[in-house]
Amino acid sequence: MHDELLTLKNLGKTSAQWLHASGIHTLDDLRRLGAVEAYLAVRTRGFSASRVLLYAIEGALRDLDWKALPASVKDELNQRLNSSHHTN
């Protein structure tokens, strides 16, 4: 079976399994949700994903290794994550 998520940068078998379990199956699903919402969906399902998954998803969306994400992008992701925690 072809797993589109596994063809994306940064996403390995475990990340893909967590995303699938969270109802995220394709690149279009990731694009629709964005990195923060996709990460929160995984965390909400009880998976112990670290912030690296957040960065990995953003990198996958940008077709970029997560380690190459600029600090400003990581800061923005963390700000959006923190503000979404306060609204939930």
PDB file of N, CA and C in Angstrom:
ATOM      1  N   MET A   1       0.840  -1.184   0.000  1.00  0.00           N
ATOM      2  CA  MET A   1       0.000   0.000   0.000  1.00  0.00           C
ATOM      3  C   MET A   1       0.888   1.252   0.000  1.00  0.00           C
ATOM      4  N   HIS A   2       0.566   2.189  -0.830  1.00  0.00           N
ATOM      5  CA  HIS A   2       1.320   3.433  -0.924  1.00  0.00           C
ATOM      6  C   HIS A   2       0.889   4.374   0.200  1.00  0.00           C
ATOM      7  N   ASP A   3       1.855   4.860   0.943  1.00  0.00           N
ATOM      8  CA  ASP A   3       1.572   5.804   2.015  1.00  0.00           C
ATOM      9  C   ASP A   3       2.202   7.137   1.642  1.00  0.00           C
ATOM     10  N   GLU A   4       1.370   8.077   1.221  1.00  0.00           N
ATOM     11  CA  GLU A   4       1.869   9.376   0.771  1.00  0.00           C
ATOM     12  C   GLU A   4       2.674  10.082   1.860  1.00  0.00           C
ATOM     13  N   LEU A   5       2.271   9.935   3.115  1.00  0.00           N
ATOM     14  CA  LEU A   5       2.969  10.617   4.206  1.00  0.00           C
ATOM     15  C   LEU A   5       4.430  10.175   4.293  1.00  0.00           C
ATOM     16  N   LEU A   6       4.683   8.897   3.997  1.00  0.00           N
ATOM     17  CA  LEU A   6       6.055   8.393   4.092  1.00  0.00           C
ATOM     18  C   LEU A   6       6.950   8.925   2.980  1.00  0.00           C
ATOM     19  N   THR A   7       6.369   9.515   1.951  1.00  0.00           N
ATOM     20  CA  THR A   7       7.179  10.086   0.877  1.00  0.00           C
ATOM     21  C   THR A   7       7.622  11.511   1.203  1.00  0.00           C
ATOM     22  N   LEU A   8       7.077  12.082   2.270  1.00  0.00           N
ATOM     23  CA  LEU A   8       7.401  13.459   2.643  1.00  0.00           C
ATOM     24  C   LEU A   8       8.664  13.503   3.487  1.00  0.00           C
ATOM     25  N   LYS A   9       9.405  14.605   3.359  1.00  0.00           N
ATOM     26  CA  LYS A   9      10.593  14.799   4.188  1.00  0.00           C
ATOM     27  C   LYS A   9      10.204  14.773   5.660  1.00  0.00           C
ATOM     28  N   ASN A  10      11.058  14.232   6.481  1.00  0.00           N
ATOM     29  CA  ASN A  10      10.970  14.265   7.944  1.00  0.00           C
ATOM     30  C   ASN A  10      10.005  13.255   8.556  1.00  0.00           C
ATOM     31  N   LEU A  11       9.101  12.693   7.783  1.00  0.00           N
ATOM     32  CA  LEU A  11       8.078  11.825   8.363  1.00  0.00           C
ATOM     33  C   LEU A  11       8.449  10.362   8.174  1.00  0.00           C
ATOM     34  N   GLY A  12       8.670   9.691   9.303  1.00  0.00           N
ATOM     35  CA  GLY A  12       8.980   8.270   9.282  1.00  0.00           C
ATOM     36  C   GLY A  12       7.760   7.454   9.624  1.00  0.00           C
ATOM     37  N   LYS A  13       7.992   6.183   9.836  1.00  0.00           N
ATOM     38  CA  LYS A  13       6.895   5.244  10.070  1.00  0.00           C
ATOM     39  C   LYS A  13       6.056   5.623  11.288  1.00  0.00           C
ATOM     40  N   THR A  14       6.698   5.939  12.394  1.00  0.00           N
ATOM     41  CA  THR A  14       5.949   6.281  13.616  1.00  0.00           C
ATOM     42  C   THR A  14       5.152   7.558  13.429  1.00  0.00           C
ATOM     43  N   SER A  15       5.773   8.581  12.873  1.00  0.00           N
ATOM     44  CA  SER A  15       5.065   9.845  12.634  1.00  0.00           C
ATOM     45  C   SER A  15       3.853   9.612  11.741  1.00  0.00           C
ATOM     46  N   ALA A  16       4.047   8.843  10.675  1.00  0.00           N
ATOM     47  CA  ALA A  16       2.947   8.564   9.746  1.00  0.00           C
ATOM     48  C   ALA A  16       1.826   7.803  10.459  1.00  0.00           C
ATOM     49  N   GLN A  17       2.186   6.835  11.291  1.00  0.00           N
ATOM     50  CA  GLN A  17       1.165   6.071  12.030  1.00  0.00           C
ATOM     51  C   GLN A  17       0.374   6.989  12.961  1.00  0.00           C
ATOM     52  N   TRP A  18       1.060   7.880  13.658  1.00  0.00           N
ATOM     53  CA  TRP A  18       0.382   8.821  14.553  1.00  0.00           C
ATOM     54  C   TRP A  18      -0.561   9.721  13.767  1.00  0.00           C
ATOM     55  N   LEU A  19      -0.095  10.218  12.627  1.00  0.00           N
ATOM     56  CA  LEU A  19      -0.936  11.092  11.807  1.00  0.00           C
ATOM     57  C   LEU A  19      -2.156  10.340  11.282  1.00  0.00           C
ATOM     58  N   HIS A  20      -1.947   9.110  10.800  1.00  0.00           N
ATOM     59  CA  HIS A  20      -3.077   8.302  10.324  1.00  0.00           C
ATOM     60  C   HIS A  20      -4.091   8.080  11.444  1.00  0.00           C
ATOM     61  N   ALA A  21      -3.603   7.760  12.636  1.00  0.00           N
ATOM     62  CA  ALA A  21      -4.486   7.517  13.774  1.00  0.00           C
ATOM     63  C   ALA A  21      -5.264   8.777  14.153  1.00  0.00           C
ATOM     64  N   SER A  22      -4.743   9.931  13.734  1.00  0.00           N
ATOM     65  CA  SER A  22      -5.380  11.219  14.022  1.00  0.00           C
ATOM     66  C   SER A  22      -6.260  11.693  12.867  1.00  0.00           C
ATOM     67  N   GLY A  23      -6.444  10.824  11.864  1.00  0.00           N
ATOM     68  CA  GLY A  23      -7.308  11.157  10.739  1.00  0.00           C
ATOM     69  C   GLY A  23      -6.630  11.945   9.634  1.00  0.00           C
ATOM     70  N   ILE A  24      -5.319  11.974   9.652  1.00  0.00           N
ATOM     71  CA  ILE A  24      -4.543  12.722   8.655  1.00  0.00           C
ATOM     72  C   ILE A  24      -3.836  11.697   7.774  1.00  0.00           C
ATOM     73  N   HIS A  25      -4.228  11.645   6.490  1.00  0.00           N
ATOM     74  CA  HIS A  25      -3.744  10.576   5.629  1.00  0.00           C
ATOM     75  C   HIS A  25      -2.964  11.044   4.411  1.00  0.00           C
ATOM     76  N   THR A  26      -3.069  12.316   4.053  1.00  0.00           N
ATOM     77  CA  THR A  26      -2.443  12.788   2.814  1.00  0.00           C
ATOM     78  C   THR A  26      -1.767  14.139   3.029  1.00  0.00           C
ATOM     79  N   LEU A  27      -0.980  14.521   2.048  1.00  0.00           N
ATOM     80  CA  LEU A  27      -0.371  15.842   2.072  1.00  0.00           C
ATOM     81  C   LEU A  27      -1.453  16.916   2.069  1.00  0.00           C
ATOM     82  N   ASP A  28      -2.529  16.690   1.322  1.00  0.00           N
ATOM     83  CA  ASP A  28      -3.636  17.651   1.318  1.00  0.00           C
ATOM     84  C   ASP A  28      -4.233  17.815   2.718  1.00  0.00           C
ATOM     85  N   ASP A  29      -4.360  16.699   3.455  1.00  0.00           N
ATOM     86  CA  ASP A  29      -4.851  16.787   4.839  1.00  0.00           C
ATOM     87  C   ASP A  29      -3.926  17.673   5.665  1.00  0.00           C
ATOM     88  N   LEU A  30      -2.619  17.456   5.516  1.00  0.00           N
ATOM     89  CA  LEU A  30      -1.645  18.262   6.263  1.00  0.00           C
ATOM     90  C   LEU A  30      -1.736  19.726   5.876  1.00  0.00           C
ATOM     91  N   ARG A  31      -1.842  19.988   4.592  1.00  0.00           N
ATOM     92  CA  ARG A  31      -1.929  21.383   4.130  1.00  0.00           C
ATOM     93  C   ARG A  31      -3.185  22.053   4.675  1.00  0.00           C
ATOM     94  N   ARG A  32      -4.290  21.317   4.670  1.00  0.00           N
ATOM     95  CA  ARG A  32      -5.557  21.871   5.138  1.00  0.00           C
ATOM     96  C   ARG A  32      -5.475  22.243   6.620  1.00  0.00           C
ATOM     97  N   LEU A  33      -4.863  21.389   7.407  1.00  0.00           N
ATOM     98  CA  LEU A  33      -4.776  21.623   8.848  1.00  0.00           C
ATOM     99  C   LEU A  33      -3.652  22.569   9.228  1.00  0.00           C
ATOM    100  N   GLY A  34      -2.523  22.421   8.556  1.00  0.00           N
ATOM    101  CA  GLY A  34      -1.328  23.146   8.956  1.00  0.00           C
ATOM    102  C   GLY A  34      -0.586  22.377  10.042  1.00  0.00           C
ATOM    103  N   ALA A  35       0.655  22.754  10.261  1.00  0.00           N
ATOM    104  CA  ALA A  35       1.517  22.007  11.178  1.00  0.00           C
ATOM    105  C   ALA A  35       0.994  22.017  12.610  1.00  0.00           C
ATOM    106  N   VAL A  36       0.546  23.170  13.088  1.00  0.00           N
ATOM    107  CA  VAL A  36       0.123  23.278  14.490  1.00  0.00           C
ATOM    108  C   VAL A  36      -1.109  22.413  14.754  1.00  0.00           C
ATOM    109  N   GLU A  37      -2.111  22.507  13.903  1.00  0.00           N
ATOM    110  CA  GLU A  37      -3.334  21.714  14.103  1.00  0.00           C
ATOM    111  C   GLU A  37      -3.066  20.226  13.954  1.00  0.00           C
ATOM    112  N   ALA A  38      -2.220  19.846  13.000  1.00  0.00           N
ATOM    113  CA  ALA A  38      -1.880  18.437  12.827  1.00  0.00           C
ATOM    114  C   ALA A  38      -1.144  17.918  14.064  1.00  0.00           C
ATOM    115  N   TYR A  39      -0.205  18.696  14.569  1.00  0.00           N
ATOM    116  CA  TYR A  39       0.533  18.322  15.781  1.00  0.00           C
ATOM    117  C   TYR A  39      -0.423  18.180  16.972  1.00  0.00           C
ATOM    118  N   LEU A  40      -1.330  19.131  17.112  1.00  0.00           N
ATOM    119  CA  LEU A  40      -2.299  19.061  18.211  1.00  0.00           C
ATOM    120  C   LEU A  40      -3.216  17.851  18.070  1.00  0.00           C
ATOM    121  N   ALA A  41      -3.571  17.504  16.844  1.00  0.00           N
ATOM    122  CA  ALA A  41      -4.416  16.318  16.619  1.00  0.00           C
ATOM    123  C   ALA A  41      -3.704  15.064  17.121  1.00  0.00           C
ATOM    124  N   VAL A  42      -2.408  14.970  16.850  1.00  0.00           N
ATOM    125  CA  VAL A  42      -1.618  13.820  17.313  1.00  0.00           C
ATOM    126  C   VAL A  42      -1.546  13.810  18.836  1.00  0.00           C
ATOM    127  N   ARG A  43      -1.244  14.955  19.425  1.00  0.00           N
ATOM    128  CA  ARG A  43      -1.143  15.053  20.892  1.00  0.00           C
ATOM    129  C   ARG A  43      -2.486  14.739  21.562  1.00  0.00           C
ATOM    130  N   THR A  44      -3.578  15.203  20.957  1.00  0.00           N
ATOM    131  CA  THR A  44      -4.910  14.971  21.512  1.00  0.00           C
ATOM    132  C   THR A  44      -5.233  13.485  21.560  1.00  0.00           C
ATOM    133  N   ARG A  45      -4.677  12.721  20.625  1.00  0.00           N
ATOM    134  CA  ARG A  45      -4.911  11.266  20.606  1.00  0.00           C
ATOM    135  C   ARG A  45      -4.085  10.559  21.664  1.00  0.00           C
ATOM    136  N   GLY A  46      -3.271  11.303  22.397  1.00  0.00           N
ATOM    137  CA  GLY A  46      -2.507  10.704  23.490  1.00  0.00           C
ATOM    138  C   GLY A  46      -1.107  10.268  23.120  1.00  0.00           C
ATOM    139  N   PHE A  47      -0.677  10.544  21.898  1.00  0.00           N
ATOM    140  CA  PHE A  47       0.686  10.179  21.509  1.00  0.00           C
ATOM    141  C   PHE A  47       1.665  11.181  22.112  1.00  0.00           C
ATOM    142  N   SER A  48       2.801  10.678  22.557  1.00  0.00           N
ATOM    143  CA  SER A  48       3.766  11.538  23.247  1.00  0.00           C
ATOM    144  C   SER A  48       4.748  12.164  22.269  1.00  0.00           C
ATOM    145  N   ALA A  49       4.225  12.882  21.312  1.00  0.00           N
ATOM    146  CA  ALA A  49       5.060  13.533  20.300  1.00  0.00           C
ATOM    147  C   ALA A  49       5.727  14.764  20.898  1.00  0.00           C
ATOM    148  N   SER A  50       6.990  14.945  20.564  1.00  0.00           N
ATOM    149  CA  SER A  50       7.720  16.126  21.024  1.00  0.00           C
ATOM    150  C   SER A  50       7.535  17.255  20.005  1.00  0.00           C
ATOM    151  N   ARG A  51       8.104  18.391  20.324  1.00  0.00           N
ATOM    152  CA  ARG A  51       8.038  19.538  19.408  1.00  0.00           C
ATOM    153  C   ARG A  51       8.730  19.228  18.083  1.00  0.00           C
ATOM    154  N   VAL A  52       9.627  18.250  18.086  1.00  0.00           N
ATOM    155  CA  VAL A  52      10.300  17.882  16.836  1.00  0.00           C
ATOM    156  C   VAL A  52       9.261  17.476  15.788  1.00  0.00           C
ATOM    157  N   LEU A  53       8.179  16.802  16.214  1.00  0.00           N
ATOM    158  CA  LEU A  53       7.135  16.437  15.247  1.00  0.00           C
ATOM    159  C   LEU A  53       6.503  17.692  14.649  1.00  0.00           C
ATOM    160  N   LEU A  54       6.277  18.694  15.465  1.00  0.00           N
ATOM    161  CA  LEU A  54       5.734  19.961  14.968  1.00  0.00           C
ATOM    162  C   LEU A  54       6.640  20.522  13.871  1.00  0.00           C
ATOM    163  N   TYR A  55       7.936  20.553  14.151  1.00  0.00           N
ATOM    164  CA  TYR A  55       8.899  21.071  13.182  1.00  0.00           C
ATOM    165  C   TYR A  55       8.987  20.156  11.955  1.00  0.00           C
ATOM    166  N   ALA A  56       8.899  18.846  12.181  1.00  0.00           N
ATOM    167  CA  ALA A  56       8.965  17.886  11.081  1.00  0.00           C
ATOM    168  C   ALA A  56       7.788  18.070  10.126  1.00  0.00           C
ATOM    169  N   ILE A  57       6.597  18.292  10.680  1.00  0.00           N
ATOM    170  CA  ILE A  57       5.421  18.501   9.833  1.00  0.00           C
ATOM    171  C   ILE A  57       5.581  19.789   9.032  1.00  0.00           C
ATOM    172  N   GLU A  58       6.016  20.851   9.695  1.00  0.00           N
ATOM    173  CA  GLU A  58       6.219  22.118   8.982  1.00  0.00           C
ATOM    174  C   GLU A  58       7.265  21.940   7.881  1.00  0.00           C
ATOM    175  N   GLY A  59       8.336  21.233   8.198  1.00  0.00           N
ATOM    176  CA  GLY A  59       9.354  20.960   7.190  1.00  0.00           C
ATOM    177  C   GLY A  59       8.797  20.147   6.033  1.00  0.00           C
ATOM    178  N   ALA A  60       7.952  19.166   6.336  1.00  0.00           N
ATOM    179  CA  ALA A  60       7.332  18.357   5.283  1.00  0.00           C
ATOM    180  C   ALA A  60       6.474  19.232   4.378  1.00  0.00           C
ATOM    181  N   LEU A  61       5.748  20.156   4.965  1.00  0.00           N
ATOM    182  CA  LEU A  61       4.915  21.062   4.178  1.00  0.00           C
ATOM    183  C   LEU A  61       5.749  21.977   3.288  1.00  0.00           C
ATOM    184  N   ARG A  62       6.959  22.287   3.728  1.00  0.00           N
ATOM    185  CA  ARG A  62       7.857  23.174   2.970  1.00  0.00           C
ATOM    186  C   ARG A  62       8.858  22.389   2.122  1.00  0.00           C
ATOM    187  N   ASP A  63       8.806  21.050   2.190  1.00  0.00           N
ATOM    188  CA  ASP A  63       9.764  20.180   1.512  1.00  0.00           C
ATOM    189  C   ASP A  63      11.189  20.539   1.927  1.00  0.00           C
ATOM    190  N   LEU A  64      11.365  20.631   3.244  1.00  0.00           N
ATOM    191  CA  LEU A  64      12.621  21.087   3.835  1.00  0.00           C
ATOM    192  C   LEU A  64      12.931  20.232   5.052  1.00  0.00           C
ATOM    193  N   ASP A  65      14.190  19.874   5.236  1.00  0.00           N
ATOM    194  CA  ASP A  65      14.583  19.159   6.450  1.00  0.00           C
ATOM    195  C   ASP A  65      14.238  20.030   7.658  1.00  0.00           C
ATOM    196  N   TRP A  66      13.637  19.431   8.670  1.00  0.00           N
ATOM    197  CA  TRP A  66      13.182  20.235   9.812  1.00  0.00           C
ATOM    198  C   TRP A  66      14.325  20.966  10.491  1.00  0.00           C
ATOM    199  N   LYS A  67      15.531  20.417  10.435  1.00  0.00           N
ATOM    200  CA  LYS A  67      16.670  21.074  11.076  1.00  0.00           C
ATOM    201  C   LYS A  67      17.054  22.361  10.342  1.00  0.00           C
ATOM    202  N   ALA A  68      16.593  22.490   9.087  1.00  0.00           N
ATOM    203  CA  ALA A  68      16.911  23.676   8.289  1.00  0.00           C
ATOM    204  C   ALA A  68      15.863  24.781   8.455  1.00  0.00           C
ATOM    205  N   LEU A  69      14.825  24.528   9.245  1.00  0.00           N
ATOM    206  CA  LEU A  69      13.821  25.577   9.466  1.00  0.00           C
ATOM    207  C   LEU A  69      14.473  26.734  10.222  1.00  0.00           C
ATOM    208  N   PRO A  70      14.268  27.944   9.767  1.00  0.00           N
ATOM    209  CA  PRO A  70      14.825  29.092  10.492  1.00  0.00           C
ATOM    210  C   PRO A  70      14.240  29.197  11.900  1.00  0.00           C
ATOM    211  N   ALA A  71      15.025  29.733  12.812  1.00  0.00           N
ATOM    212  CA  ALA A  71      14.556  29.918  14.191  1.00  0.00           C
ATOM    213  C   ALA A  71      13.279  30.745  14.230  1.00  0.00           C
ATOM    214  N   SER A  72      13.153  31.703  13.319  1.00  0.00           N
ATOM    215  CA  SER A  72      11.955  32.545  13.309  1.00  0.00           C
ATOM    216  C   SER A  72      10.703  31.722  12.998  1.00  0.00           C
ATOM    217  N   VAL A  73      10.841  30.715  12.142  1.00  0.00           N
ATOM    218  CA  VAL A  73       9.703  29.849  11.818  1.00  0.00           C
ATOM    219  C   VAL A  73       9.352  28.992  13.035  1.00  0.00           C
ATOM    220  N   LYS A  74      10.361  28.451  13.695  1.00  0.00           N
ATOM    221  CA  LYS A  74      10.120  27.645  14.897  1.00  0.00           C
ATOM    222  C   LYS A  74       9.462  28.497  15.986  1.00  0.00           C
ATOM    223  N   ASP A  75       9.937  29.729  16.136  1.00  0.00           N
ATOM    224  CA  ASP A  75       9.335  30.639  17.122  1.00  0.00           C
ATOM    225  C   ASP A  75       7.866  30.892  16.799  1.00  0.00           C
ATOM    226  N   GLU A  76       7.572  31.129  15.522  1.00  0.00           N
ATOM    227  CA  GLU A  76       6.188  31.384  15.119  1.00  0.00           C
ATOM    228  C   GLU A  76       5.312  30.158  15.381  1.00  0.00           C
ATOM    229  N   LEU A  77       5.827  28.973  15.072  1.00  0.00           N
ATOM    230  CA  LEU A  77       5.074  27.743  15.337  1.00  0.00           C
ATOM    231  C   LEU A  77       4.788  27.598  16.823  1.00  0.00           C
ATOM    232  N   ASN A  78       5.793  27.859  17.644  1.00  0.00           N
ATOM    233  CA  ASN A  78       5.609  27.747  19.092  1.00  0.00           C
ATOM    234  C   ASN A  78       4.621  28.780  19.618  1.00  0.00           C
ATOM    235  N   GLN A  79       4.656  29.984  19.080  1.00  0.00           N
ATOM    236  CA  GLN A  79       3.689  31.015  19.484  1.00  0.00           C
ATOM    237  C   GLN A  79       2.272  30.582  19.116  1.00  0.00           C
ATOM    238  N   ARG A  80       2.103  30.048  17.895  1.00  0.00           N
ATOM    239  CA  ARG A  80       0.777  29.596  17.471  1.00  0.00           C
ATOM    240  C   ARG A  80       0.317  28.418  18.314  1.00  0.00           C
ATOM    241  N   LEU A  81       1.248  27.539  18.659  1.00  0.00           N
ATOM    242  CA  LEU A  81       0.913  26.395  19.507  1.00  0.00           C
ATOM    243  C   LEU A  81       0.484  26.871  20.890  1.00  0.00           C
ATOM    244  N   ASN A  82       1.239  27.786  21.469  1.00  0.00           N
ATOM    245  CA  ASN A  82       0.919  28.296  22.794  1.00  0.00           C
ATOM    246  C   ASN A  82      -0.426  29.042  22.806  1.00  0.00           C
ATOM    247  N   SER A  83      -0.683  29.818  21.766  1.00  0.00           N
ATOM    248  CA  SER A  83      -1.960  30.553  21.733  1.00  0.00           C
ATOM    249  C   SER A  83      -3.129  29.603  21.518  1.00  0.00           C
ATOM    250  N   SER A  84      -2.910  28.504  20.815  1.00  0.00           N
ATOM    251  CA  SER A  84      -4.004  27.537  20.611  1.00  0.00           C
ATOM    252  C   SER A  84      -4.298  26.778  21.896  1.00  0.00           C
ATOM    253  N   HIS A  85      -3.296  26.588  22.753  1.00  0.00           N
ATOM    254  CA  HIS A  85      -3.533  25.948  24.051  1.00  0.00           C
ATOM    255  C   HIS A  85      -4.431  26.809  24.935  1.00  0.00           C
ATOM    256  N   HIS A  86      -4.275  28.125  24.821  1.00  0.00           N
ATOM    257  CA  HIS A  86      -5.063  29.023  25.668  1.00  0.00           C
ATOM    258  C   HIS A  86      -6.507  29.123  25.208  1.00  0.00           C
ATOM    259  N   THR A  87      -6.759  28.827  23.921  1.00  0.00           N
ATOM    260  CA  THR A  87      -8.119  28.938  23.421  1.00  0.00           C
ATOM    261  C   THR A  87      -8.885  27.633  23.539  1.00  0.00           C
ATOM    262  N   ASN A  88      -8.181  26.548  23.827  1.00  0.00           N
ATOM    263  CA  ASN A  88      -8.855  25.237  23.930  1.00  0.00           C
ATOM    264  C   ASN A  88      -9.328  24.974  25.334  1.00  0.00           C
TER     265      ASN A  88
END
